[in-house]
Amino acid sequence: MDWCLYGEDKRREIDRDLKPEYLLDDLRRYQDVFGEEFGVKELLMLEDIRVKAMIAGALADMPEFLIDQIGKASNSSNFPSMTRAMERIADVVEEKWEEEREWQRMLLPIRRNGCGF
């Protein structure tokens, strides 16, 4: 699957499909096939089914999409610098966590002796 086809264009297409003038066209086409008794309620039920099917399809494609994005990122010139930046962030978080744990260890005896805060 070519993931480059998804994105802003797909969002615009979906937004366009939900505009009243497009829904009216859809309603008229369904009424041509099913008769005048086919109304807005039935059209909205079909739209609900269509949207749920699109969501299910997107969820089913998610592993392939993630692998594709990882492949694109690893081929990107920015990926190594992003990886280093993330490693640095993780190091800082770990360092702050250790400092916090050290403070906790230092304060514990003080609190036990009744000199706590």
PDB file of N, CA and C in Angstrom:
ATOM      1  N   MET A   1       0.842  -1.176   0.000  1.00  0.00           N
ATOM      2  CA  MET A   1       0.000   0.000   0.000  1.00  0.00           C
ATOM      3  C   MET A   1       0.885   1.237   0.000  1.00  0.00           C
ATOM      4  N   ASP A   2       0.518   2.223  -0.785  1.00  0.00           N
ATOM      5  CA  ASP A   2       1.288   3.460  -0.863  1.00  0.00           C
ATOM      6  C   ASP A   2       0.735   4.451   0.150  1.00  0.00           C
ATOM      7  N   TRP A   3       1.435   4.593   1.259  1.00  0.00           N
ATOM      8  CA  TRP A   3       0.943   5.433   2.351  1.00  0.00           C
ATOM      9  C   TRP A   3       0.997   6.913   2.023  1.00  0.00           C
ATOM     10  N   CYS A   4       1.718   7.279   0.997  1.00  0.00           N
ATOM     11  CA  CYS A   4       1.781   8.691   0.626  1.00  0.00           C
ATOM     12  C   CYS A   4       0.431   9.178   0.089  1.00  0.00           C
ATOM     13  N   LEU A   5      -0.442   8.258  -0.262  1.00  0.00           N
ATOM     14  CA  LEU A   5      -1.763   8.657  -0.751  1.00  0.00           C
ATOM     15  C   LEU A   5      -2.658   9.151   0.375  1.00  0.00           C
ATOM     16  N   TYR A   6      -2.327   8.818   1.601  1.00  0.00           N
ATOM     17  CA  TYR A   6      -3.127   9.241   2.736  1.00  0.00           C
ATOM     18  C   TYR A   6      -2.583  10.557   3.268  1.00  0.00           C
ATOM     19  N   GLY A   7      -3.407  11.273   3.955  1.00  0.00           N
ATOM     20  CA  GLY A   7      -2.968  12.529   4.533  1.00  0.00           C
ATOM     21  C   GLY A   7      -3.967  13.619   4.251  1.00  0.00           C
ATOM     22  N   GLU A   8      -3.471  14.795   3.933  1.00  0.00           N
ATOM     23  CA  GLU A   8      -4.310  15.976   3.748  1.00  0.00           C
ATOM     24  C   GLU A   8      -5.356  15.780   2.659  1.00  0.00           C
ATOM     25  N   ASP A   9      -4.983  15.132   1.556  1.00  0.00           N
ATOM     26  CA  ASP A   9      -5.943  14.913   0.469  1.00  0.00           C
ATOM     27  C   ASP A   9      -7.107  14.043   0.925  1.00  0.00           C
ATOM     28  N   LYS A  10      -6.794  13.006   1.680  1.00  0.00           N
ATOM     29  CA  LYS A  10      -7.849  12.101   2.163  1.00  0.00           C
ATOM     30  C   LYS A  10      -8.768  12.839   3.134  1.00  0.00           C
ATOM     31  N   ARG A  11      -8.186  13.672   3.999  1.00  0.00           N
ATOM     32  CA  ARG A  11      -8.990  14.430   4.951  1.00  0.00           C
ATOM     33  C   ARG A  11      -9.933  15.379   4.209  1.00  0.00           C
ATOM     34  N   ARG A  12      -9.423  16.064   3.174  1.00  0.00           N
ATOM     35  CA  ARG A  12     -10.265  16.969   2.392  1.00  0.00           C
ATOM     36  C   ARG A  12     -11.392  16.209   1.701  1.00  0.00           C
ATOM     37  N   GLU A  13     -11.074  15.013   1.199  1.00  0.00           N
ATOM     38  CA  GLU A  13     -12.103  14.205   0.530  1.00  0.00           C
ATOM     39  C   GLU A  13     -13.205  13.820   1.506  1.00  0.00           C
ATOM     40  N   ILE A  14     -12.816  13.411   2.696  1.00  0.00           N
ATOM     41  CA  ILE A  14     -13.805  13.024   3.710  1.00  0.00           C
ATOM     42  C   ILE A  14     -14.623  14.231   4.136  1.00  0.00           C
ATOM     43  N   ASP A  15     -13.960  15.372   4.356  1.00  0.00           N
ATOM     44  CA  ASP A  15     -14.682  16.588   4.725  1.00  0.00           C
ATOM     45  C   ASP A  15     -15.669  16.989   3.633  1.00  0.00           C
ATOM     46  N   ARG A  16     -15.238  16.884   2.377  1.00  0.00           N
ATOM     47  CA  ARG A  16     -16.104  17.244   1.257  1.00  0.00           C
ATOM     48  C   ARG A  16     -17.335  16.342   1.220  1.00  0.00           C
ATOM     49  N   ASP A  17     -17.134  15.054   1.470  1.00  0.00           N
ATOM     50  CA  ASP A  17     -18.239  14.103   1.427  1.00  0.00           C
ATOM     51  C   ASP A  17     -19.311  14.418   2.463  1.00  0.00           C
ATOM     52  N   LEU A  18     -18.951  15.123   3.523  1.00  0.00           N
ATOM     53  CA  LEU A  18     -19.908  15.419   4.584  1.00  0.00           C
ATOM     54  C   LEU A  18     -20.600  16.767   4.429  1.00  0.00           C
ATOM     55  N   LYS A  19     -20.273  17.497   3.375  1.00  0.00           N
ATOM     56  CA  LYS A  19     -20.940  18.775   3.137  1.00  0.00           C
ATOM     57  C   LYS A  19     -22.372  18.511   2.693  1.00  0.00           C
ATOM     58  N   PRO A  20     -23.300  19.380   3.091  1.00  0.00           N
ATOM     59  CA  PRO A  20     -24.724  19.147   2.776  1.00  0.00           C
ATOM     60  C   PRO A  20     -25.009  18.930   1.296  1.00  0.00           C
ATOM     61  N   GLU A  21     -24.351  19.699   0.420  1.00  0.00           N
ATOM     62  CA  GLU A  21     -24.658  19.541  -1.002  1.00  0.00           C
ATOM     63  C   GLU A  21     -24.246  18.162  -1.522  1.00  0.00           C
ATOM     64  N   TYR A  22     -23.179  17.599  -0.977  1.00  0.00           N
ATOM     65  CA  TYR A  22     -22.764  16.257  -1.384  1.00  0.00           C
ATOM     66  C   TYR A  22     -23.695  15.204  -0.789  1.00  0.00           C
ATOM     67  N   LEU A  23     -24.095  15.419   0.468  1.00  0.00           N
ATOM     68  CA  LEU A  23     -25.043  14.485   1.079  1.00  0.00           C
ATOM     69  C   LEU A  23     -26.372  14.498   0.335  1.00  0.00           C
ATOM     70  N   LEU A  24     -26.799  15.676  -0.116  1.00  0.00           N
ATOM     71  CA  LEU A  24     -28.045  15.767  -0.879  1.00  0.00           C
ATOM     72  C   LEU A  24     -27.926  15.005  -2.191  1.00  0.00           C
ATOM     73  N   ASP A  25     -26.781  15.140  -2.851  1.00  0.00           N
ATOM     74  CA  ASP A  25     -26.571  14.367  -4.089  1.00  0.00           C
ATOM     75  C   ASP A  25     -26.622  12.873  -3.806  1.00  0.00           C
ATOM     76  N   ASP A  26     -25.965  12.449  -2.721  1.00  0.00           N
ATOM     77  CA  ASP A  26     -25.992  11.028  -2.346  1.00  0.00           C
ATOM     78  C   ASP A  26     -27.415  10.577  -2.061  1.00  0.00           C
ATOM     79  N   LEU A  27     -28.160  11.390  -1.331  1.00  0.00           N
ATOM     80  CA  LEU A  27     -29.541  11.041  -0.993  1.00  0.00           C
ATOM     81  C   LEU A  27     -30.368  10.866  -2.267  1.00  0.00           C
ATOM     82  N   ARG A  28     -30.221  11.762  -3.201  1.00  0.00           N
ATOM     83  CA  ARG A  28     -30.984  11.662  -4.455  1.00  0.00           C
ATOM     84  C   ARG A  28     -30.609  10.413  -5.243  1.00  0.00           C
ATOM     85  N   ARG A  29     -29.326  10.079  -5.271  1.00  0.00           N
ATOM     86  CA  ARG A  29     -28.901   8.860  -5.988  1.00  0.00           C
ATOM     87  C   ARG A  29     -29.494   7.614  -5.324  1.00  0.00           C
ATOM     88  N   TYR A  30     -29.476   7.569  -3.977  1.00  0.00           N
ATOM     89  CA  TYR A  30     -30.063   6.422  -3.285  1.00  0.00           C
ATOM     90  C   TYR A  30     -31.570   6.378  -3.505  1.00  0.00           C
ATOM     91  N   GLN A  31     -32.218   7.534  -3.540  1.00  0.00           N
ATOM     92  CA  GLN A  31     -33.658   7.553  -3.772  1.00  0.00           C
ATOM     93  C   GLN A  31     -33.990   7.084  -5.185  1.00  0.00           C
ATOM     94  N   ASP A  32     -33.104   7.371  -6.135  1.00  0.00           N
ATOM     95  CA  ASP A  32     -33.315   6.866  -7.498  1.00  0.00           C
ATOM     96  C   ASP A  32     -33.309   5.348  -7.521  1.00  0.00           C
ATOM     97  N   VAL A  33     -32.468   4.740  -6.685  1.00  0.00           N
ATOM     98  CA  VAL A  33     -32.349   3.286  -6.653  1.00  0.00           C
ATOM     99  C   VAL A  33     -33.417   2.659  -5.756  1.00  0.00           C
ATOM    100  N   PHE A  34     -33.591   3.208  -4.542  1.00  0.00           N
ATOM    101  CA  PHE A  34     -34.456   2.578  -3.545  1.00  0.00           C
ATOM    102  C   PHE A  34     -35.837   3.209  -3.421  1.00  0.00           C
ATOM    103  N   GLY A  35     -36.047   4.310  -4.078  1.00  0.00           N
ATOM    104  CA  GLY A  35     -37.352   4.962  -4.017  1.00  0.00           C
ATOM    105  C   GLY A  35     -37.356   6.110  -3.021  1.00  0.00           C
ATOM    106  N   GLU A  36     -38.446   6.864  -3.064  1.00  0.00           N
ATOM    107  CA  GLU A  36     -38.566   8.066  -2.230  1.00  0.00           C
ATOM    108  C   GLU A  36     -38.598   7.764  -0.733  1.00  0.00           C
ATOM    109  N   GLU A  37     -38.915   6.523  -0.364  1.00  0.00           N
ATOM    110  CA  GLU A  37     -38.969   6.196   1.069  1.00  0.00           C
ATOM    111  C   GLU A  37     -37.572   6.176   1.703  1.00  0.00           C
ATOM    112  N   PHE A  38     -36.524   6.136   0.863  1.00  0.00           N
ATOM    113  CA  PHE A  38     -35.156   6.215   1.369  1.00  0.00           C
ATOM    114  C   PHE A  38     -34.930   7.661   1.789  1.00  0.00           C
ATOM    115  N   GLY A  39     -34.717   7.861   3.114  1.00  0.00           N
ATOM    116  CA  GLY A  39     -34.616   9.220   3.633  1.00  0.00           C
ATOM    117  C   GLY A  39     -33.266   9.536   4.257  1.00  0.00           C
ATOM    118  N   VAL A  40     -33.244  10.658   4.931  1.00  0.00           N
ATOM    119  CA  VAL A  40     -32.021  11.143   5.574  1.00  0.00           C
ATOM    120  C   VAL A  40     -31.548  10.157   6.642  1.00  0.00           C
ATOM    121  N   LYS A  41     -32.492   9.589   7.384  1.00  0.00           N
ATOM    122  CA  LYS A  41     -32.128   8.633   8.425  1.00  0.00           C
ATOM    123  C   LYS A  41     -31.354   7.458   7.831  1.00  0.00           C
ATOM    124  N   GLU A  42     -31.835   6.924   6.732  1.00  0.00           N
ATOM    125  CA  GLU A  42     -31.159   5.798   6.088  1.00  0.00           C
ATOM    126  C   GLU A  42     -29.793   6.211   5.529  1.00  0.00           C
ATOM    127  N   LEU A  43     -29.741   7.421   4.966  1.00  0.00           N
ATOM    128  CA  LEU A  43     -28.472   7.915   4.444  1.00  0.00           C
ATOM    129  C   LEU A  43     -27.441   8.050   5.559  1.00  0.00           C
ATOM    130  N   LEU A  44     -27.850   8.600   6.694  1.00  0.00           N
ATOM    131  CA  LEU A  44     -26.924   8.756   7.820  1.00  0.00           C
ATOM    132  C   LEU A  44     -26.492   7.402   8.378  1.00  0.00           C
ATOM    133  N   MET A  45     -27.394   6.423   8.350  1.00  0.00           N
ATOM    134  CA  MET A  45     -27.004   5.080   8.786  1.00  0.00           C
ATOM    135  C   MET A  45     -25.936   4.510   7.858  1.00  0.00           C
ATOM    136  N   LEU A  46     -26.086   4.711   6.544  1.00  0.00           N
ATOM    137  CA  LEU A  46     -25.085   4.242   5.588  1.00  0.00           C
ATOM    138  C   LEU A  46     -23.761   4.974   5.771  1.00  0.00           C
ATOM    139  N   GLU A  47     -23.814   6.282   6.022  1.00  0.00           N
ATOM    140  CA  GLU A  47     -22.595   7.048   6.265  1.00  0.00           C
ATOM    141  C   GLU A  47     -21.897   6.541   7.528  1.00  0.00           C
ATOM    142  N   ASP A  48     -22.681   6.214   8.550  1.00  0.00           N
ATOM    143  CA  ASP A  48     -22.119   5.675   9.789  1.00  0.00           C
ATOM    144  C   ASP A  48     -21.393   4.355   9.521  1.00  0.00           C
ATOM    145  N   ILE A  49     -22.009   3.497   8.734  1.00  0.00           N
ATOM    146  CA  ILE A  49     -21.387   2.215   8.380  1.00  0.00           C
ATOM    147  C   ILE A  49     -20.107   2.447   7.581  1.00  0.00           C
ATOM    148  N   ARG A  50     -20.160   3.385   6.632  1.00  0.00           N
ATOM    149  CA  ARG A  50     -18.991   3.682   5.803  1.00  0.00           C
ATOM    150  C   ARG A  50     -17.828   4.188   6.645  1.00  0.00           C
ATOM    151  N   VAL A  51     -18.127   5.087   7.578  1.00  0.00           N
ATOM    152  CA  VAL A  51     -17.077   5.637   8.441  1.00  0.00           C
ATOM    153  C   VAL A  51     -16.488   4.549   9.328  1.00  0.00           C
ATOM    154  N   LYS A  52     -17.333   3.699   9.886  1.00  0.00           N
ATOM    155  CA  LYS A  52     -16.833   2.606  10.734  1.00  0.00           C
ATOM    156  C   LYS A  52     -15.978   1.631   9.924  1.00  0.00           C
ATOM    157  N   ALA A  53     -16.352   1.404   8.686  1.00  0.00           N
ATOM    158  CA  ALA A  53     -15.537   0.533   7.828  1.00  0.00           C
ATOM    159  C   ALA A  53     -14.184   1.176   7.543  1.00  0.00           C
ATOM    160  N   MET A  54     -14.159   2.491   7.344  1.00  0.00           N
ATOM    161  CA  MET A  54     -12.894   3.182   7.119  1.00  0.00           C
ATOM    162  C   MET A  54     -12.002   3.101   8.361  1.00  0.00           C
ATOM    163  N   ILE A  55     -12.602   3.258   9.528  1.00  0.00           N
ATOM    164  CA  ILE A  55     -11.841   3.167  10.784  1.00  0.00           C
ATOM    165  C   ILE A  55     -11.278   1.756  10.946  1.00  0.00           C
ATOM    166  N   ALA A  56     -12.114   0.754  10.684  1.00  0.00           N
ATOM    167  CA  ALA A  56     -11.655  -0.633  10.794  1.00  0.00           C
ATOM    168  C   ALA A  56     -10.514  -0.900   9.818  1.00  0.00           C
ATOM    169  N   GLY A  57     -10.624  -0.366   8.605  1.00  0.00           N
ATOM    170  CA  GLY A  57      -9.556  -0.533   7.623  1.00  0.00           C
ATOM    171  C   GLY A  57      -8.269   0.132   8.069  1.00  0.00           C
ATOM    172  N   ALA A  58      -8.397   1.335   8.644  1.00  0.00           N
ATOM    173  CA  ALA A  58      -7.204   2.041   9.128  1.00  0.00           C
ATOM    174  C   ALA A  58      -6.551   1.278  10.267  1.00  0.00           C
ATOM    175  N   LEU A  59      -7.350   0.726  11.166  1.00  0.00           N
ATOM    176  CA  LEU A  59      -6.787  -0.059  12.276  1.00  0.00           C
ATOM    177  C   LEU A  59      -6.104  -1.321  11.765  1.00  0.00           C
ATOM    178  N   ALA A  60      -6.701  -1.950  10.763  1.00  0.00           N
ATOM    179  CA  ALA A  60      -6.099  -3.162  10.202  1.00  0.00           C
ATOM    180  C   ALA A  60      -4.778  -2.841   9.505  1.00  0.00           C
ATOM    181  N   ASP A  61      -4.681  -1.635   8.937  1.00  0.00           N
ATOM    182  CA  ASP A  61      -3.465  -1.236   8.226  1.00  0.00           C
ATOM    183  C   ASP A  61      -2.403  -0.626   9.133  1.00  0.00           C
ATOM    184  N   MET A  62      -2.723  -0.414  10.408  1.00  0.00           N
ATOM    185  CA  MET A  62      -1.806   0.289  11.309  1.00  0.00           C
ATOM    186  C   MET A  62      -0.417  -0.358  11.410  1.00  0.00           C
ATOM    187  N   PRO A  63      -0.297  -1.677  11.581  1.00  0.00           N
ATOM    188  CA  PRO A  63       1.062  -2.248  11.644  1.00  0.00           C
ATOM    189  C   PRO A  63       1.882  -1.957  10.387  1.00  0.00           C
ATOM    190  N   GLU A  64       1.256  -2.105   9.223  1.00  0.00           N
ATOM    191  CA  GLU A  64       1.960  -1.825   7.974  1.00  0.00           C
ATOM    192  C   GLU A  64       2.357  -0.345   7.898  1.00  0.00           C
ATOM    193  N   PHE A  65       1.459   0.517   8.338  1.00  0.00           N
ATOM    194  CA  PHE A  65       1.739   1.952   8.335  1.00  0.00           C
ATOM    195  C   PHE A  65       2.927   2.279   9.243  1.00  0.00           C
ATOM    196  N   LEU A  66       2.948   1.708  10.448  1.00  0.00           N
ATOM    197  CA  LEU A  66       4.042   1.982  11.380  1.00  0.00           C
ATOM    198  C   LEU A  66       5.376   1.497  10.830  1.00  0.00           C
ATOM    199  N   ILE A  67       5.383   0.312  10.247  1.00  0.00           N
ATOM    200  CA  ILE A  67       6.620  -0.218   9.650  1.00  0.00           C
ATOM    201  C   ILE A  67       7.070   0.688   8.514  1.00  0.00           C
ATOM    202  N   ASP A  68       6.131   1.150   7.704  1.00  0.00           N
ATOM    203  CA  ASP A  68       6.456   2.056   6.612  1.00  0.00           C
ATOM    204  C   ASP A  68       7.062   3.358   7.149  1.00  0.00           C
ATOM    205  N   GLN A  69       6.474   3.899   8.207  1.00  0.00           N
ATOM    206  CA  GLN A  69       6.974   5.154   8.771  1.00  0.00           C
ATOM    207  C   GLN A  69       8.362   4.978   9.398  1.00  0.00           C
ATOM    208  N   ILE A  70       8.585   3.846  10.037  1.00  0.00           N
ATOM    209  CA  ILE A  70       9.909   3.570  10.610  1.00  0.00           C
ATOM    210  C   ILE A  70      10.941   3.472   9.487  1.00  0.00           C
ATOM    211  N   GLY A  71      10.568   2.803   8.396  1.00  0.00           N
ATOM    212  CA  GLY A  71      11.473   2.705   7.251  1.00  0.00           C
ATOM    213  C   GLY A  71      11.796   4.062   6.666  1.00  0.00           C
ATOM    214  N   LYS A  72      10.792   4.904   6.511  1.00  0.00           N
ATOM    215  CA  LYS A  72      11.027   6.255   5.994  1.00  0.00           C
ATOM    216  C   LYS A  72      11.896   7.059   6.946  1.00  0.00           C
ATOM    217  N   ALA A  73      11.629   6.942   8.244  1.00  0.00           N
ATOM    218  CA  ALA A  73      12.409   7.699   9.224  1.00  0.00           C
ATOM    219  C   ALA A  73      13.861   7.242   9.242  1.00  0.00           C
ATOM    220  N   SER A  74      14.079   5.939   9.160  1.00  0.00           N
ATOM    221  CA  SER A  74      15.458   5.444   9.212  1.00  0.00           C
ATOM    222  C   SER A  74      16.242   5.840   7.961  1.00  0.00           C
ATOM    223  N   ASN A  75      15.548   6.065   6.844  1.00  0.00           N
ATOM    224  CA  ASN A  75      16.214   6.509   5.618  1.00  0.00           C
ATOM    225  C   ASN A  75      16.373   8.026   5.572  1.00  0.00           C
ATOM    226  N   SER A  76      15.758   8.699   6.514  1.00  0.00           N
ATOM    227  CA  SER A  76      15.812  10.158   6.545  1.00  0.00           C
ATOM    228  C   SER A  76      17.135  10.628   7.132  1.00  0.00           C
ATOM    229  N   SER A  77      17.604  11.755   6.644  1.00  0.00           N
ATOM    230  CA  SER A  77      18.852  12.306   7.194  1.00  0.00           C
ATOM    231  C   SER A  77      18.645  12.833   8.607  1.00  0.00           C
ATOM    232  N   ASN A  78      17.402  13.100   8.995  1.00  0.00           N
ATOM    233  CA  ASN A  78      17.115  13.612  10.339  1.00  0.00           C
ATOM    234  C   ASN A  78      17.025  12.508  11.381  1.00  0.00           C
ATOM    235  N   PHE A  79      16.830  11.283  10.949  1.00  0.00           N
ATOM    236  CA  PHE A  79      16.585  10.200  11.897  1.00  0.00           C
ATOM    237  C   PHE A  79      17.725  10.015  12.902  1.00  0.00           C
ATOM    238  N   PRO A  80      18.994   9.952  12.481  1.00  0.00           N
ATOM    239  CA  PRO A  80      20.058   9.777  13.486  1.00  0.00           C
ATOM    240  C   PRO A  80      20.085  10.902  14.515  1.00  0.00           C
ATOM    241  N   SER A  81      19.864  12.136  14.085  1.00  0.00           N
ATOM    242  CA  SER A  81      19.874  13.229  15.051  1.00  0.00           C
ATOM    243  C   SER A  81      18.659  13.155  15.965  1.00  0.00           C
ATOM    244  N   MET A  82      17.520  12.702  15.434  1.00  0.00           N
ATOM    245  CA  MET A  82      16.338  12.528  16.285  1.00  0.00           C
ATOM    246  C   MET A  82      16.599  11.447  17.313  1.00  0.00           C
ATOM    247  N   THR A  83      17.240  10.371  16.896  1.00  0.00           N
ATOM    248  CA  THR A  83      17.542   9.287  17.816  1.00  0.00           C
ATOM    249  C   THR A  83      18.460   9.777  18.920  1.00  0.00           C
ATOM    250  N   ARG A  84      19.490  10.532  18.570  1.00  0.00           N
ATOM    251  CA  ARG A  84      20.400  11.070  19.583  1.00  0.00           C
ATOM    252  C   ARG A  84      19.663  12.020  20.517  1.00  0.00           C
ATOM    253  N   ALA A  85      18.791  12.840  19.977  1.00  0.00           N
ATOM    254  CA  ALA A  85      18.032  13.775  20.806  1.00  0.00           C
ATOM    255  C   ALA A  85      17.143  13.022  21.788  1.00  0.00           C
ATOM    256  N   MET A  86      16.496  11.962  21.313  1.00  0.00           N
ATOM    257  CA  MET A  86      15.643  11.171  22.199  1.00  0.00           C
ATOM    258  C   MET A  86      16.478  10.486  23.272  1.00  0.00           C
ATOM    259  N   GLU A  87      17.658  10.006  22.911  1.00  0.00           N
ATOM    260  CA  GLU A  87      18.541   9.383  23.897  1.00  0.00           C
ATOM    261  C   GLU A  87      18.961  10.399  24.950  1.00  0.00           C
ATOM    262  N   ARG A  88      19.259  11.634  24.518  1.00  0.00           N
ATOM    263  CA  ARG A  88      19.643  12.679  25.466  1.00  0.00           C
ATOM    264  C   ARG A  88      18.499  13.009  26.416  1.00  0.00           C
ATOM    265  N   ILE A  89      17.296  13.083  25.879  1.00  0.00           N
ATOM    266  CA  ILE A  89      16.126  13.338  26.726  1.00  0.00           C
ATOM    267  C   ILE A  89      15.967  12.223  27.741  1.00  0.00           C
ATOM    268  N   ALA A  90      16.112  10.987  27.298  1.00  0.00           N
ATOM    269  CA  ALA A  90      16.000   9.843  28.212  1.00  0.00           C
ATOM    270  C   ALA A  90      17.083   9.902  29.282  1.00  0.00           C
ATOM    271  N   ASP A  91      18.289  10.308  28.904  1.00  0.00           N
ATOM    272  CA  ASP A  91      19.379  10.430  29.881  1.00  0.00           C
ATOM    273  C   ASP A  91      19.062  11.491  30.924  1.00  0.00           C
ATOM    274  N   VAL A  92      18.532  12.621  30.494  1.00  0.00           N
ATOM    275  CA  VAL A  92      18.190  13.695  31.437  1.00  0.00           C
ATOM    276  C   VAL A  92      17.085  13.244  32.375  1.00  0.00           C
ATOM    277  N   VAL A  93      16.071  12.583  31.833  1.00  0.00           N
ATOM    278  CA  VAL A  93      14.976  12.087  32.674  1.00  0.00           C
ATOM    279  C   VAL A  93      15.514  11.091  33.693  1.00  0.00           C
ATOM    280  N   GLU A  94      16.364  10.190  33.246  1.00  0.00           N
ATOM    281  CA  GLU A  94      16.940   9.203  34.160  1.00  0.00           C
ATOM    282  C   GLU A  94      17.795   9.884  35.233  1.00  0.00           C
ATOM    283  N   GLU A  95      18.571  10.889  34.827  1.00  0.00           N
ATOM    284  CA  GLU A  95      19.414  11.622  35.771  1.00  0.00           C
ATOM    285  C   GLU A  95      18.553  12.335  36.815  1.00  0.00           C
ATOM    286  N   LYS A  96      17.488  12.979  36.388  1.00  0.00           N
ATOM    287  CA  LYS A  96      16.585  13.670  37.321  1.00  0.00           C
ATOM    288  C   LYS A  96      15.899  12.670  38.240  1.00  0.00           C
ATOM    289  N   TRP A  97      15.544  11.531  37.704  1.00  0.00           N
ATOM    290  CA  TRP A  97      14.921  10.479  38.511  1.00  0.00           C
ATOM    291  C   TRP A  97      15.882  10.012  39.604  1.00  0.00           C
ATOM    292  N   GLU A  98      17.133   9.820  39.242  1.00  0.00           N
ATOM    293  CA  GLU A  98      18.141   9.401  40.217  1.00  0.00           C
ATOM    294  C   GLU A  98      18.353  10.476  41.276  1.00  0.00           C
ATOM    295  N   GLU A  99      18.385  11.754  40.869  1.00  0.00           N
ATOM    296  CA  GLU A  99      18.519  12.843  41.841  1.00  0.00           C
ATOM    297  C   GLU A  99      17.348  12.834  42.816  1.00  0.00           C
ATOM    298  N   GLU A 100      16.159  12.637  42.292  1.00  0.00           N
ATOM    299  CA  GLU A 100      14.964  12.599  43.137  1.00  0.00           C
ATOM    300  C   GLU A 100      15.032  11.433  44.116  1.00  0.00           C
ATOM    301  N   ARG A 101      15.463  10.276  43.630  1.00  0.00           N
ATOM    302  CA  ARG A 101      15.593   9.112  44.514  1.00  0.00           C
ATOM    303  C   ARG A 101      16.644   9.367  45.591  1.00  0.00           C
ATOM    304  N   GLU A 102      17.739  10.047  45.242  1.00  0.00           N
ATOM    305  CA  GLU A 102      18.783  10.365  46.210  1.00  0.00           C
ATOM    306  C   GLU A 102      18.242  11.314  47.282  1.00  0.00           C
ATOM    307  N   TRP A 103      17.484  12.307  46.874  1.00  0.00           N
ATOM    308  CA  TRP A 103      16.867  13.211  47.844  1.00  0.00           C
ATOM    309  C   TRP A 103      15.918  12.447  48.764  1.00  0.00           C
ATOM    310  N   GLN A 104      15.169  11.537  48.198  1.00  0.00           N
ATOM    311  CA  GLN A 104      14.243  10.725  49.001  1.00  0.00           C
ATOM    312  C   GLN A 104      15.012   9.915  50.044  1.00  0.00           C
ATOM    313  N   ARG A 105      16.139   9.331  49.643  1.00  0.00           N
ATOM    314  CA  ARG A 105      16.959   8.544  50.576  1.00  0.00           C
ATOM    315  C   ARG A 105      17.533   9.420  51.680  1.00  0.00           C
ATOM    316  N   MET A 106      17.923  10.655  51.315  1.00  0.00           N
ATOM    317  CA  MET A 106      18.483  11.556  52.319  1.00  0.00           C
ATOM    318  C   MET A 106      17.413  12.051  53.289  1.00  0.00           C
ATOM    319  N   LEU A 107      16.196  12.260  52.816  1.00  0.00           N
ATOM    320  CA  LEU A 107      15.130  12.792  53.661  1.00  0.00           C
ATOM    321  C   LEU A 107      14.473  11.723  54.516  1.00  0.00           C
ATOM    322  N   LEU A 108      14.542  10.484  54.118  1.00  0.00           N
ATOM    323  CA  LEU A 108      13.887   9.414  54.852  1.00  0.00           C
ATOM    324  C   LEU A 108      14.360   9.328  56.300  1.00  0.00           C
ATOM    325  N   PRO A 109      15.670   9.339  56.603  1.00  0.00           N
ATOM    326  CA  PRO A 109      16.086   9.285  58.011  1.00  0.00           C
ATOM    327  C   PRO A 109      15.622  10.515  58.802  1.00  0.00           C
ATOM    328  N   ILE A 110      15.582  11.675  58.160  1.00  0.00           N
ATOM    329  CA  ILE A 110      15.128  12.880  58.852  1.00  0.00           C
ATOM    330  C   ILE A 110      13.668  12.743  59.230  1.00  0.00           C
ATOM    331  N   ARG A 111      12.868  12.241  58.325  1.00  0.00           N
ATOM    332  CA  ARG A 111      11.434  12.061  58.591  1.00  0.00           C
ATOM    333  C   ARG A 111      11.194  11.016  59.666  1.00  0.00           C
ATOM    334  N   ARG A 112      12.015   9.966  59.666  1.00  0.00           N
ATOM    335  CA  ARG A 112      11.864   8.918  60.675  1.00  0.00           C
ATOM    336  C   ARG A 112      12.153   9.422  62.083  1.00  0.00           C
ATOM    337  N   ASN A 113      13.076  10.378  62.191  1.00  0.00           N
ATOM    338  CA  ASN A 113      13.454  10.920  63.509  1.00  0.00           C
ATOM    339  C   ASN A 113      12.511  12.008  63.978  1.00  0.00           C
ATOM    340  N   GLY A 114      11.447  12.251  63.243  1.00  0.00           N
ATOM    341  CA  GLY A 114      10.480  13.243  63.678  1.00  0.00           C
ATOM    342  C   GLY A 114      10.839  14.664  63.287  1.00  0.00           C
ATOM    343  N   CYS A 115      11.814  14.838  62.479  1.00  0.00           N
ATOM    344  CA  CYS A 115      12.206  16.179  62.059  1.00  0.00           C
ATOM    345  C   CYS A 115      11.668  16.484  60.676  1.00  0.00           C
ATOM    346  N   GLY A 116      10.663  15.767  60.292  1.00  0.00           N
ATOM    347  CA  GLY A 116      10.139  15.913  58.925  1.00  0.00           C
ATOM    348  C   GLY A 116       9.402  17.200  58.711  1.00  0.00           C
ATOM    349  N   PHE A 117       8.881  17.328  57.558  1.00  0.00           N
ATOM    350  CA  PHE A 117       8.238  18.562  57.146  1.00  0.00           C
ATOM    351  C   PHE A 117       6.793  18.560  57.524  1.00  0.00           C
TER     352      PHE A 117
END
